[in-house]
């Protein structure tokens, strides 16, 4: 029993997570939607990671409906869950929560005031094992136009200046991150070439900002993802 990775669009792959899994010999399957193929069963996995994508969790397509229903089964079984961007919103939708338009569309490394996008941990976030070894405030890469509302069933672990609800937790082991922590250099380079929102930004500045944050960004991504795998019952170095 390994990790199920739900890949919503080819370029937004598991990145840093895949490197960790392969290094530690942890088995994983990558699921991509195909019509007529059932969403995997929670009985076959110890953890699930749902990645980002251009769709909305509010879409009524066969793909999104099946994904929301499939994730709901994992959450009901209390299988450890980690959602990134769309993966966060799918989790909230599976919990019958609200996904809505964000106050601003957050894209790239910098906010409208030209400051780096950062997540600030709440008191609950500071004390949660997912953030073991992480500073209270850290830079994050953004690529979303929607956000989620917090409910009585979810805890807010990290906040942002413009889009407040950046990191949430449901139950004892289900996490959702609005921003991206999984980026590798190859992924970053393909995103800025292919994503329509990123193509509107200054490519040179995006690369300069990436070089500024790269060391801490990748270190934080590795720590958070390793923390999640340890929470899920795997032993990682």
C-alpha atoms as a PDB file:
ATOM      1  CA  UNK A   1       0.000   0.000   0.000  1.00  0.00           C
ATOM      2  CA  UNK A   2       1.636   3.177  -1.208  1.00  0.00           C
ATOM      3  CA  UNK A   3       0.614   6.699  -2.230  1.00  0.00           C
ATOM      4  CA  UNK A   4      -2.011   7.638  -4.780  1.00  0.00           C
ATOM      5  CA  UNK A   5      -1.130  10.777  -6.758  1.00  0.00           C
ATOM      6  CA  UNK A   6      -3.981  12.404  -8.677  1.00  0.00           C
ATOM      7  CA  UNK A   7      -2.535  14.359 -11.603  1.00  0.00           C
ATOM      8  CA  UNK A   8      -5.037  16.859 -13.038  1.00  0.00           C
ATOM      9  CA  UNK A   9      -2.871  18.184 -15.873  1.00  0.00           C
ATOM     10  CA  UNK A  10       0.391  16.738 -17.178  1.00  0.00           C
ATOM     11  CA  UNK A  11       2.629  19.735 -16.470  1.00  0.00           C
ATOM     12  CA  UNK A  12       1.503  20.004 -12.832  1.00  0.00           C
ATOM     13  CA  UNK A  13       3.119  16.760 -11.738  1.00  0.00           C
ATOM     14  CA  UNK A  14       4.331  15.608  -8.306  1.00  0.00           C
ATOM     15  CA  UNK A  15       7.766  17.254  -8.629  1.00  0.00           C
ATOM     16  CA  UNK A  16       9.578  17.312  -5.289  1.00  0.00           C
ATOM     17  CA  UNK A  17       7.180  14.696  -3.926  1.00  0.00           C
ATOM     18  CA  UNK A  18       8.138  12.171  -6.589  1.00  0.00           C
ATOM     19  CA  UNK A  19      11.820  12.708  -5.822  1.00  0.00           C
ATOM     20  CA  UNK A  20      11.175  11.958  -2.135  1.00  0.00           C
ATOM     21  CA  UNK A  21       9.089   8.864  -2.866  1.00  0.00           C
ATOM     22  CA  UNK A  22      11.669   7.405  -5.238  1.00  0.00           C
ATOM     23  CA  UNK A  23      14.578   8.135  -2.913  1.00  0.00           C
ATOM     24  CA  UNK A  24      12.824   6.377  -0.033  1.00  0.00           C
ATOM     25  CA  UNK A  25      11.546   3.433  -2.068  1.00  0.00           C
ATOM     26  CA  UNK A  26       7.879   4.267  -1.456  1.00  0.00           C
ATOM     27  CA  UNK A  27       5.487   2.854  -4.032  1.00  0.00           C
ATOM     28  CA  UNK A  28       3.104   5.247  -5.755  1.00  0.00           C
ATOM     29  CA  UNK A  29       0.528   5.264  -8.520  1.00  0.00           C
ATOM     30  CA  UNK A  30      -0.325   8.257 -10.683  1.00  0.00           C
ATOM     31  CA  UNK A  31      -3.991   8.489 -11.622  1.00  0.00           C
ATOM     32  CA  UNK A  32      -5.104  10.652 -14.541  1.00  0.00           C
ATOM     33  CA  UNK A  33      -8.756  10.869 -15.512  1.00  0.00           C
ATOM     34  CA  UNK A  34      -9.893   8.828 -18.457  1.00  0.00           C
ATOM     35  CA  UNK A  35     -13.533   8.378 -19.370  1.00  0.00           C
ATOM     36  CA  UNK A  36     -14.813   5.019 -18.222  1.00  0.00           C
ATOM     37  CA  UNK A  37     -11.966   4.466 -15.725  1.00  0.00           C
ATOM     38  CA  UNK A  38     -13.064   4.436 -12.072  1.00  0.00           C
ATOM     39  CA  UNK A  39     -11.379   6.610  -9.462  1.00  0.00           C
ATOM     40  CA  UNK A  40      -9.028   4.420  -7.374  1.00  0.00           C
ATOM     41  CA  UNK A  41     -10.252   2.850  -4.125  1.00  0.00           C
ATOM     42  CA  UNK A  42      -9.080   4.069  -0.707  1.00  0.00           C
ATOM     43  CA  UNK A  43      -8.628   0.437   0.297  1.00  0.00           C
ATOM     44  CA  UNK A  44      -5.504   0.258  -1.856  1.00  0.00           C
ATOM     45  CA  UNK A  45      -3.534   3.237  -0.456  1.00  0.00           C
ATOM     46  CA  UNK A  46      -2.037   4.623   2.731  1.00  0.00           C
ATOM     47  CA  UNK A  47      -2.177   8.241   1.509  1.00  0.00           C
ATOM     48  CA  UNK A  48      -3.507  10.383  -1.329  1.00  0.00           C
ATOM     49  CA  UNK A  49      -2.079  13.548  -2.905  1.00  0.00           C
ATOM     50  CA  UNK A  50      -4.238  15.597  -5.289  1.00  0.00           C
ATOM     51  CA  UNK A  51      -2.323  18.077  -7.454  1.00  0.00           C
ATOM     52  CA  UNK A  52      -3.288  21.326  -9.151  1.00  0.00           C
ATOM     53  CA  UNK A  53      -4.907  22.010 -12.485  1.00  0.00           C
ATOM     54  CA  UNK A  54      -6.733  24.671 -14.512  1.00  0.00           C
ATOM     55  CA  UNK A  55     -10.253  23.470 -13.744  1.00  0.00           C
ATOM     56  CA  UNK A  56     -12.646  24.556 -10.989  1.00  0.00           C
ATOM     57  CA  UNK A  57     -13.882  22.226  -8.291  1.00  0.00           C
ATOM     58  CA  UNK A  58     -17.310  23.701  -9.121  1.00  0.00           C
ATOM     59  CA  UNK A  59     -17.218  22.298 -12.668  1.00  0.00           C
ATOM     60  CA  UNK A  60     -19.937  19.820 -13.567  1.00  0.00           C
ATOM     61  CA  UNK A  61     -17.769  17.735 -15.879  1.00  0.00           C
ATOM     62  CA  UNK A  62     -17.550  13.974 -15.518  1.00  0.00           C
ATOM     63  CA  UNK A  63     -13.892  14.333 -14.494  1.00  0.00           C
ATOM     64  CA  UNK A  64     -14.488  16.739 -11.603  1.00  0.00           C
ATOM     65  CA  UNK A  65     -17.651  14.995 -10.389  1.00  0.00           C
ATOM     66  CA  UNK A  66     -15.797  11.657 -10.218  1.00  0.00           C
ATOM     67  CA  UNK A  67     -12.787  13.244  -8.544  1.00  0.00           C
ATOM     68  CA  UNK A  68     -14.890  14.932  -5.849  1.00  0.00           C
ATOM     69  CA  UNK A  69     -16.791  11.714  -5.193  1.00  0.00           C
ATOM     70  CA  UNK A  70     -13.572   9.702  -5.117  1.00  0.00           C
ATOM     71  CA  UNK A  71     -11.861  12.098  -2.708  1.00  0.00           C
ATOM     72  CA  UNK A  72     -14.924  12.010  -0.456  1.00  0.00           C
ATOM     73  CA  UNK A  73     -14.463   8.250  -0.049  1.00  0.00           C
ATOM     74  CA  UNK A  74     -10.812   8.726   0.947  1.00  0.00           C
ATOM     75  CA  UNK A  75     -11.761  11.400   3.494  1.00  0.00           C
ATOM     76  CA  UNK A  76     -14.530   9.252   4.944  1.00  0.00           C
ATOM     77  CA  UNK A  77     -11.991   6.472   5.486  1.00  0.00           C
ATOM     78  CA  UNK A  78      -9.585   8.984   7.112  1.00  0.00           C
ATOM     79  CA  UNK A  79      -6.856   8.194   4.597  1.00  0.00           C
ATOM     80  CA  UNK A  80      -4.163  10.905   4.939  1.00  0.00           C
ATOM     81  CA  UNK A  81      -4.809  13.548   2.296  1.00  0.00           C
ATOM     82  CA  UNK A  82      -2.649  16.317   0.824  1.00  0.00           C
ATOM     83  CA  UNK A  83      -4.230  18.711  -1.689  1.00  0.00           C
ATOM     84  CA  UNK A  84      -2.386  21.388  -3.646  1.00  0.00           C
ATOM     85  CA  UNK A  85      -4.280  24.278  -5.305  1.00  0.00           C
ATOM     86  CA  UNK A  86      -7.154  22.509  -7.114  1.00  0.00           C
ATOM     87  CA  UNK A  87      -6.469  19.610  -4.743  1.00  0.00           C
ATOM     88  CA  UNK A  88      -7.356  21.867  -1.796  1.00  0.00           C
ATOM     89  CA  UNK A  89     -10.539  23.006  -3.514  1.00  0.00           C
ATOM     90  CA  UNK A  90     -11.528  19.428  -4.420  1.00  0.00           C
ATOM     91  CA  UNK A  91     -11.154  18.493  -0.752  1.00  0.00           C
ATOM     92  CA  UNK A  92     -13.396  21.358   0.352  1.00  0.00           C
ATOM     93  CA  UNK A  93     -15.965  20.466  -2.301  1.00  0.00           C
ATOM     94  CA  UNK A  94     -15.921  16.840  -1.131  1.00  0.00           C
ATOM     95  CA  UNK A  95     -16.692  18.126   2.371  1.00  0.00           C
ATOM     96  CA  UNK A  96     -19.691  20.072   0.985  1.00  0.00           C
ATOM     97  CA  UNK A  97     -17.852  23.351   1.539  1.00  0.00           C
ATOM     98  CA  UNK A  98     -17.767  26.441  -0.647  1.00  0.00           C
ATOM     99  CA  UNK A  99     -15.302  27.192  -3.451  1.00  0.00           C
ATOM    100  CA  UNK A 100     -15.609  30.742  -4.782  1.00  0.00           C
ATOM    101  CA  UNK A 101     -13.814  33.449  -6.710  1.00  0.00           C
ATOM    102  CA  UNK A 102     -10.724  34.752  -4.934  1.00  0.00           C
ATOM    103  CA  UNK A 103     -10.552  38.463  -3.987  1.00  0.00           C
ATOM    104  CA  UNK A 104      -7.642  38.635  -6.429  1.00  0.00           C
ATOM    105  CA  UNK A 105      -6.124  36.175  -8.861  1.00  0.00           C
ATOM    106  CA  UNK A 106      -2.784  35.204  -7.322  1.00  0.00           C
ATOM    107  CA  UNK A 107      -0.190  34.343  -9.962  1.00  0.00           C
ATOM    108  CA  UNK A 108       3.566  33.862  -9.705  1.00  0.00           C
ATOM    109  CA  UNK A 109       5.866  34.896  -6.885  1.00  0.00           C
ATOM    110  CA  UNK A 110       4.686  38.444  -6.180  1.00  0.00           C
ATOM    111  CA  UNK A 111       1.497  40.103  -4.995  1.00  0.00           C
ATOM    112  CA  UNK A 112      -0.039  43.363  -6.351  1.00  0.00           C
ATOM    113  CA  UNK A 113       2.284  45.380  -4.079  1.00  0.00           C
ATOM    114  CA  UNK A 114       5.290  43.591  -5.606  1.00  0.00           C
ATOM    115  CA  UNK A 115       6.025  41.691  -2.404  1.00  0.00           C
ATOM    116  CA  UNK A 116       6.682  37.970  -2.412  1.00  0.00           C
ATOM    117  CA  UNK A 117       3.613  35.859  -1.752  1.00  0.00           C
ATOM    118  CA  UNK A 118       3.986  34.432   1.739  1.00  0.00           C
ATOM    119  CA  UNK A 119       2.082  32.114   4.031  1.00  0.00           C
ATOM    120  CA  UNK A 120       1.953  33.008   7.715  1.00  0.00           C
ATOM    121  CA  UNK A 121       1.191  30.175  10.101  1.00  0.00           C
ATOM    122  CA  UNK A 122      -1.572  30.496  12.679  1.00  0.00           C
ATOM    123  CA  UNK A 123      -1.030  29.269  16.233  1.00  0.00           C
ATOM    124  CA  UNK A 124      -2.606  25.957  15.234  1.00  0.00           C
ATOM    125  CA  UNK A 125      -0.349  25.834  12.201  1.00  0.00           C
ATOM    126  CA  UNK A 126       2.792  26.392  14.250  1.00  0.00           C
ATOM    127  CA  UNK A 127       1.880  23.437  16.460  1.00  0.00           C
ATOM    128  CA  UNK A 128       0.792  21.092  13.673  1.00  0.00           C
ATOM    129  CA  UNK A 129       3.191  18.281  12.682  1.00  0.00           C
ATOM    130  CA  UNK A 130       2.868  19.178   8.989  1.00  0.00           C
ATOM    131  CA  UNK A 131       4.975  22.277   9.690  1.00  0.00           C
ATOM    132  CA  UNK A 132       7.682  20.669  11.796  1.00  0.00           C
ATOM    133  CA  UNK A 133      10.953  22.474  11.039  1.00  0.00           C
ATOM    134  CA  UNK A 134       9.231  25.311   9.121  1.00  0.00           C
ATOM    135  CA  UNK A 135       9.518  29.012   9.983  1.00  0.00           C
ATOM    136  CA  UNK A 136       6.316  30.876  10.864  1.00  0.00           C
ATOM    137  CA  UNK A 137       6.360  32.715   7.517  1.00  0.00           C
ATOM    138  CA  UNK A 138       7.555  31.331   4.184  1.00  0.00           C
ATOM    139  CA  UNK A 139       7.422  32.174   0.474  1.00  0.00           C
ATOM    140  CA  UNK A 140       5.080  30.239  -1.803  1.00  0.00           C
ATOM    141  CA  UNK A 141       4.281  30.091  -5.521  1.00  0.00           C
ATOM    142  CA  UNK A 142       0.716  30.970  -6.495  1.00  0.00           C
ATOM    143  CA  UNK A 143      -1.423  30.093  -9.495  1.00  0.00           C
ATOM    144  CA  UNK A 144      -5.136  30.328  -8.739  1.00  0.00           C
ATOM    145  CA  UNK A 145      -8.247  32.434  -9.218  1.00  0.00           C
ATOM    146  CA  UNK A 146     -10.486  30.750  -6.651  1.00  0.00           C
ATOM    147  CA  UNK A 147     -10.449  30.300  -2.890  1.00  0.00           C
ATOM    148  CA  UNK A 148     -12.321  28.337  -0.227  1.00  0.00           C
ATOM    149  CA  UNK A 149     -14.350  29.174   2.858  1.00  0.00           C
ATOM    150  CA  UNK A 150     -13.477  27.750   6.254  1.00  0.00           C
ATOM    151  CA  UNK A 151     -16.185  25.710   7.975  1.00  0.00           C
ATOM    152  CA  UNK A 152     -16.681  24.465  11.526  1.00  0.00           C
ATOM    153  CA  UNK A 153     -15.074  21.188  10.403  1.00  0.00           C
ATOM    154  CA  UNK A 154     -11.857  22.730   9.099  1.00  0.00           C
ATOM    155  CA  UNK A 155      -8.975  24.489  10.819  1.00  0.00           C
ATOM    156  CA  UNK A 156      -6.996  27.370   9.354  1.00  0.00           C
ATOM    157  CA  UNK A 157      -3.262  26.622   9.593  1.00  0.00           C
ATOM    158  CA  UNK A 158      -1.821  29.306   7.305  1.00  0.00           C
ATOM    159  CA  UNK A 159      -2.973  32.684   6.004  1.00  0.00           C
ATOM    160  CA  UNK A 160      -2.112  35.063   3.153  1.00  0.00           C
ATOM    161  CA  UNK A 161      -2.479  38.820   2.830  1.00  0.00           C
ATOM    162  CA  UNK A 162      -4.881  38.815  -0.111  1.00  0.00           C
ATOM    163  CA  UNK A 163      -6.284  35.300  -0.258  1.00  0.00           C
ATOM    164  CA  UNK A 164      -6.639  34.589   3.461  1.00  0.00           C
ATOM    165  CA  UNK A 165      -7.316  30.852   3.567  1.00  0.00           C
ATOM    166  CA  UNK A 166      -4.000  29.433   2.380  1.00  0.00           C
ATOM    167  CA  UNK A 167      -3.579  26.218   4.381  1.00  0.00           C
ATOM    168  CA  UNK A 168      -6.407  24.271   5.979  1.00  0.00           C
ATOM    169  CA  UNK A 169      -6.815  20.984   7.833  1.00  0.00           C
ATOM    170  CA  UNK A 170      -9.720  18.605   8.133  1.00  0.00           C
ATOM    171  CA  UNK A 171      -9.830  15.913  10.790  1.00  0.00           C
ATOM    172  CA  UNK A 172      -6.555  14.458  11.955  1.00  0.00           C
ATOM    173  CA  UNK A 173      -4.667  14.052   8.676  1.00  0.00           C
ATOM    174  CA  UNK A 174      -6.235  15.886   5.700  1.00  0.00           C
ATOM    175  CA  UNK A 175      -4.399  18.996   4.503  1.00  0.00           C
ATOM    176  CA  UNK A 176      -4.991  21.526   1.743  1.00  0.00           C
ATOM    177  CA  UNK A 177      -2.476  24.095   0.433  1.00  0.00           C
ATOM    178  CA  UNK A 178      -3.674  26.877  -1.864  1.00  0.00           C
ATOM    179  CA  UNK A 179      -0.170  27.618  -3.107  1.00  0.00           C
ATOM    180  CA  UNK A 180       2.446  25.358  -4.662  1.00  0.00           C
ATOM    181  CA  UNK A 181       5.339  23.834  -2.711  1.00  0.00           C
ATOM    182  CA  UNK A 182       6.137  20.955  -5.079  1.00  0.00           C
ATOM    183  CA  UNK A 183       7.832  22.852  -7.912  1.00  0.00           C
ATOM    184  CA  UNK A 184      11.108  21.638  -9.369  1.00  0.00           C
ATOM    185  CA  UNK A 185      13.199  23.775 -11.769  1.00  0.00           C
ATOM    186  CA  UNK A 186      11.972  21.764 -14.775  1.00  0.00           C
ATOM    187  CA  UNK A 187       8.341  22.197 -13.725  1.00  0.00           C
ATOM    188  CA  UNK A 188       8.810  25.913 -13.160  1.00  0.00           C
ATOM    189  CA  UNK A 189      10.338  26.382 -16.614  1.00  0.00           C
ATOM    190  CA  UNK A 190       7.522  24.482 -18.328  1.00  0.00           C
ATOM    191  CA  UNK A 191       4.818  26.348 -16.402  1.00  0.00           C
ATOM    192  CA  UNK A 192       6.060  29.794 -17.386  1.00  0.00           C
ATOM    193  CA  UNK A 193       6.182  28.655 -21.022  1.00  0.00           C
ATOM    194  CA  UNK A 194       2.768  26.959 -21.095  1.00  0.00           C
ATOM    195  CA  UNK A 195       0.394  28.487 -18.531  1.00  0.00           C
ATOM    196  CA  UNK A 196      -1.733  31.316 -19.934  1.00  0.00           C
ATOM    197  CA  UNK A 197      -1.689  33.404 -16.728  1.00  0.00           C
ATOM    198  CA  UNK A 198       2.045  33.029 -16.206  1.00  0.00           C
ATOM    199  CA  UNK A 199       2.757  33.919 -19.837  1.00  0.00           C
ATOM    200  CA  UNK A 200       1.315  37.372 -19.118  1.00  0.00           C
ATOM    201  CA  UNK A 201       4.065  38.056 -16.563  1.00  0.00           C
ATOM    202  CA  UNK A 202       7.663  39.134 -17.124  1.00  0.00           C
ATOM    203  CA  UNK A 203       9.524  35.857 -17.645  1.00  0.00           C
ATOM    204  CA  UNK A 204      12.886  37.334 -16.702  1.00  0.00           C
ATOM    205  CA  UNK A 205      11.527  38.634 -13.400  1.00  0.00           C
ATOM    206  CA  UNK A 206       9.843  35.305 -12.628  1.00  0.00           C
ATOM    207  CA  UNK A 207      13.190  33.561 -13.060  1.00  0.00           C
ATOM    208  CA  UNK A 208      15.004  36.164 -10.965  1.00  0.00           C
ATOM    209  CA  UNK A 209      12.492  35.749  -8.147  1.00  0.00           C
ATOM    210  CA  UNK A 210      12.767  31.973  -8.352  1.00  0.00           C
ATOM    211  CA  UNK A 211      16.531  32.248  -7.921  1.00  0.00           C
ATOM    212  CA  UNK A 212      15.985  34.489  -4.882  1.00  0.00           C
ATOM    213  CA  UNK A 213      13.709  32.018  -3.082  1.00  0.00           C
ATOM    214  CA  UNK A 214      14.870  28.714  -4.613  1.00  0.00           C
ATOM    215  CA  UNK A 215      17.002  27.372  -1.751  1.00  0.00           C
ATOM    216  CA  UNK A 216      14.468  27.998   1.030  1.00  0.00           C
ATOM    217  CA  UNK A 217      11.489  27.198  -1.222  1.00  0.00           C
ATOM    218  CA  UNK A 218      12.764  23.737  -2.122  1.00  0.00           C
ATOM    219  CA  UNK A 219      13.898  23.043   1.450  1.00  0.00           C
ATOM    220  CA  UNK A 220      10.472  23.959   2.811  1.00  0.00           C
ATOM    221  CA  UNK A 221       8.708  21.891   0.163  1.00  0.00           C
ATOM    222  CA  UNK A 222      10.800  18.848   1.029  1.00  0.00           C
ATOM    223  CA  UNK A 223      10.222  19.267   4.772  1.00  0.00           C
ATOM    224  CA  UNK A 224       6.454  19.709   4.450  1.00  0.00           C
ATOM    225  CA  UNK A 225       6.032  16.750   2.099  1.00  0.00           C
ATOM    226  CA  UNK A 226       8.262  14.540   4.237  1.00  0.00           C
ATOM    227  CA  UNK A 227       6.245  15.578   7.285  1.00  0.00           C
ATOM    228  CA  UNK A 228       3.074  14.523   5.484  1.00  0.00           C
ATOM    229  CA  UNK A 229       4.530  11.141   4.559  1.00  0.00           C
ATOM    230  CA  UNK A 230       5.621  10.580   8.157  1.00  0.00           C
ATOM    231  CA  UNK A 231       2.122  11.520   9.350  1.00  0.00           C
ATOM    232  CA  UNK A 232       0.841   8.947   6.846  1.00  0.00           C
ATOM    233  CA  UNK A 233       2.901   6.168   8.428  1.00  0.00           C
ATOM    234  CA  UNK A 234       5.874   6.113   6.057  1.00  0.00           C
ATOM    235  CA  UNK A 235       9.441   6.512   7.235  1.00  0.00           C
ATOM    236  CA  UNK A 236      11.346   9.031   5.142  1.00  0.00           C
ATOM    237  CA  UNK A 237      14.755  10.621   5.436  1.00  0.00           C
END
